[in-house]
N, C-alpha and C. Protein backbone atom coordinates (compact mmCIF):
# COMPACT_ATOMS: atom_id res chain seq x y z
N UNK A 1 -19.92 -47.27 -8.72
CA UNK A 1 -19.10 -48.46 -8.59
C UNK A 1 -20.00 -49.64 -8.12
N UNK A 2 -19.74 -50.79 -8.62
CA UNK A 2 -20.55 -51.98 -8.32
C UNK A 2 -19.87 -52.80 -7.24
N UNK A 3 -20.62 -53.22 -6.28
CA UNK A 3 -20.11 -54.11 -5.24
C UNK A 3 -20.74 -55.43 -5.34
N UNK A 4 -20.00 -56.50 -5.48
CA UNK A 4 -20.49 -57.84 -5.59
C UNK A 4 -20.51 -58.47 -4.22
N UNK A 5 -21.65 -59.00 -3.79
CA UNK A 5 -21.82 -59.60 -2.51
C UNK A 5 -22.03 -61.09 -2.70
N UNK A 6 -21.25 -61.86 -2.03
CA UNK A 6 -21.42 -63.35 -2.10
C UNK A 6 -22.51 -63.72 -1.07
N UNK A 7 -23.72 -64.12 -1.57
CA UNK A 7 -24.80 -64.40 -0.71
C UNK A 7 -24.55 -65.58 0.21
N UNK A 8 -23.77 -66.58 -0.26
CA UNK A 8 -23.55 -67.78 0.60
C UNK A 8 -22.65 -67.36 1.80
N UNK A 9 -21.72 -66.51 1.58
CA UNK A 9 -20.87 -66.06 2.68
C UNK A 9 -21.71 -65.22 3.68
N UNK A 10 -22.51 -64.33 3.14
CA UNK A 10 -23.36 -63.48 3.96
C UNK A 10 -24.34 -64.35 4.78
N UNK A 11 -24.95 -65.33 4.14
CA UNK A 11 -25.88 -66.23 4.80
C UNK A 11 -25.23 -67.01 5.92
N UNK A 12 -24.05 -67.50 5.61
CA UNK A 12 -23.27 -68.32 6.65
C UNK A 12 -22.98 -67.45 7.85
N UNK A 13 -22.66 -66.15 7.64
CA UNK A 13 -22.38 -65.28 8.75
C UNK A 13 -23.63 -65.07 9.60
N UNK A 14 -24.78 -64.87 8.93
CA UNK A 14 -26.02 -64.69 9.67
C UNK A 14 -26.40 -65.95 10.45
N UNK A 15 -26.28 -67.08 9.81
CA UNK A 15 -26.60 -68.35 10.47
C UNK A 15 -25.73 -68.56 11.68
N UNK A 16 -24.45 -68.29 11.59
CA UNK A 16 -23.56 -68.42 12.73
C UNK A 16 -23.94 -67.47 13.84
N UNK A 17 -24.33 -66.25 13.51
CA UNK A 17 -24.71 -65.28 14.50
C UNK A 17 -25.99 -65.77 15.25
N UNK A 18 -26.91 -66.31 14.50
CA UNK A 18 -28.17 -66.81 15.10
C UNK A 18 -27.84 -68.04 16.00
N UNK A 19 -27.01 -68.92 15.56
CA UNK A 19 -26.55 -70.07 16.38
C UNK A 19 -26.00 -69.62 17.73
N UNK A 20 -25.14 -68.62 17.64
CA UNK A 20 -24.49 -68.13 18.90
C UNK A 20 -25.57 -67.50 19.78
N UNK A 21 -26.44 -66.67 19.20
CA UNK A 21 -27.46 -66.04 20.01
C UNK A 21 -28.43 -67.07 20.60
N UNK A 22 -28.82 -68.04 19.83
CA UNK A 22 -29.73 -69.08 20.36
C UNK A 22 -29.06 -69.85 21.49
N UNK A 23 -27.80 -70.19 21.29
CA UNK A 23 -27.04 -70.92 22.31
C UNK A 23 -26.92 -70.12 23.58
N UNK A 24 -26.63 -68.81 23.40
CA UNK A 24 -26.50 -67.90 24.52
C UNK A 24 -27.79 -67.80 25.31
N UNK A 25 -28.90 -67.74 24.60
CA UNK A 25 -30.23 -67.63 25.27
C UNK A 25 -30.47 -68.87 26.11
N UNK A 26 -30.16 -70.05 25.54
CA UNK A 26 -30.41 -71.28 26.26
C UNK A 26 -29.49 -71.38 27.47
N UNK A 27 -28.22 -70.99 27.34
CA UNK A 27 -27.25 -71.02 28.42
C UNK A 27 -27.67 -70.09 29.57
N UNK A 28 -28.08 -68.88 29.20
CA UNK A 28 -28.38 -67.84 30.19
C UNK A 28 -29.72 -67.99 30.85
N UNK A 29 -30.73 -68.50 30.12
CA UNK A 29 -32.08 -68.52 30.68
C UNK A 29 -32.69 -69.91 30.70
N UNK A 30 -32.09 -70.86 30.03
CA UNK A 30 -32.67 -72.19 29.94
C UNK A 30 -33.75 -72.30 28.89
N UNK A 31 -34.04 -71.18 28.22
CA UNK A 31 -35.08 -71.19 27.13
C UNK A 31 -34.48 -71.69 25.83
N UNK A 32 -35.10 -72.66 25.26
CA UNK A 32 -34.63 -73.23 24.00
C UNK A 32 -35.43 -72.65 22.90
N UNK A 33 -34.80 -72.11 21.86
CA UNK A 33 -35.49 -71.51 20.77
C UNK A 33 -36.16 -72.59 19.91
N UNK A 34 -37.22 -72.24 19.24
CA UNK A 34 -37.94 -73.18 18.41
C UNK A 34 -38.71 -72.48 17.30
N UNK A 35 -39.23 -73.24 16.43
CA UNK A 35 -40.02 -72.78 15.34
C UNK A 35 -41.33 -73.54 15.31
N UNK A 36 -42.46 -72.84 15.35
CA UNK A 36 -43.77 -73.46 15.21
C UNK A 36 -44.43 -72.92 13.95
N UNK A 37 -45.04 -73.81 13.21
CA UNK A 37 -45.70 -73.44 11.94
C UNK A 37 -47.05 -74.07 11.89
N UNK A 38 -48.05 -73.28 11.35
CA UNK A 38 -49.37 -73.80 11.08
C UNK A 38 -49.61 -73.67 9.63
N UNK A 39 -49.91 -74.80 8.97
CA UNK A 39 -50.18 -74.83 7.53
C UNK A 39 -51.69 -74.99 7.36
N UNK A 40 -52.26 -74.10 6.58
CA UNK A 40 -53.69 -74.18 6.26
C UNK A 40 -53.82 -74.61 4.81
N UNK A 41 -54.46 -75.68 4.59
CA UNK A 41 -54.65 -76.16 3.20
C UNK A 41 -53.53 -77.20 2.85
N UNK A 42 -53.54 -77.59 1.62
CA UNK A 42 -52.57 -78.66 1.22
C UNK A 42 -51.81 -78.23 -0.03
N UNK A 43 -51.38 -76.97 -0.10
CA UNK A 43 -50.66 -76.49 -1.25
C UNK A 43 -49.19 -77.00 -1.19
N UNK A 44 -48.77 -77.70 -2.22
CA UNK A 44 -47.38 -78.24 -2.23
C UNK A 44 -46.33 -77.14 -2.05
N UNK A 45 -46.58 -75.99 -2.55
CA UNK A 45 -45.59 -74.87 -2.44
C UNK A 45 -45.48 -74.47 -0.93
N UNK A 46 -46.60 -74.46 -0.24
CA UNK A 46 -46.55 -74.17 1.22
C UNK A 46 -45.73 -75.16 1.95
N UNK A 47 -45.89 -76.41 1.62
CA UNK A 47 -45.17 -77.47 2.28
C UNK A 47 -43.67 -77.33 1.98
N UNK A 48 -43.32 -77.03 0.77
CA UNK A 48 -41.93 -76.85 0.41
C UNK A 48 -41.34 -75.66 1.17
N UNK A 49 -42.10 -74.57 1.31
CA UNK A 49 -41.64 -73.38 2.05
C UNK A 49 -41.39 -73.77 3.52
N UNK A 50 -42.33 -74.44 4.08
CA UNK A 50 -42.23 -74.85 5.52
C UNK A 50 -41.03 -75.75 5.70
N UNK A 51 -40.86 -76.71 4.81
CA UNK A 51 -39.70 -77.63 4.93
C UNK A 51 -38.41 -76.90 4.84
N UNK A 52 -38.37 -75.89 3.98
CA UNK A 52 -37.15 -75.04 3.88
C UNK A 52 -36.87 -74.29 5.15
N UNK A 53 -37.91 -73.72 5.75
CA UNK A 53 -37.75 -72.95 6.97
C UNK A 53 -37.39 -73.88 8.14
N UNK A 54 -37.97 -75.07 8.14
CA UNK A 54 -37.65 -76.08 9.18
C UNK A 54 -36.20 -76.46 9.13
N UNK A 55 -35.70 -76.75 7.93
CA UNK A 55 -34.32 -77.12 7.72
C UNK A 55 -33.38 -76.02 8.20
N UNK A 56 -33.70 -74.77 7.87
CA UNK A 56 -32.87 -73.58 8.29
C UNK A 56 -32.91 -73.48 9.83
N UNK A 57 -34.08 -73.65 10.41
CA UNK A 57 -34.20 -73.51 11.82
C UNK A 57 -33.35 -74.56 12.57
N UNK A 58 -33.31 -75.77 12.03
CA UNK A 58 -32.48 -76.84 12.64
C UNK A 58 -31.01 -76.46 12.44
N UNK A 59 -30.66 -75.93 11.28
CA UNK A 59 -29.26 -75.54 11.12
C UNK A 59 -28.85 -74.42 12.01
N UNK A 60 -29.81 -73.63 12.45
CA UNK A 60 -29.50 -72.53 13.39
C UNK A 60 -29.56 -72.95 14.85
N UNK A 61 -29.84 -74.25 15.06
CA UNK A 61 -29.84 -74.77 16.43
C UNK A 61 -31.19 -74.69 17.14
N UNK A 62 -32.28 -74.41 16.39
CA UNK A 62 -33.60 -74.32 17.00
C UNK A 62 -34.11 -75.71 17.26
N UNK A 63 -35.02 -75.80 18.22
CA UNK A 63 -35.67 -77.07 18.55
C UNK A 63 -36.73 -77.45 17.53
């Protein structure tokens, strides 16, 4: 039997869980989550990947 999974719904669920966990960490410990990235070289694909991850981190409430 085939099970169809809606990726957008699954992703939204994970993003919400990460937001809650990040908020809880900051509330309990004062530690603010963040994302640090080092890019080596000037490959446009690398910049696109990092921009995508940065956008997702902000959506998850990271600094």
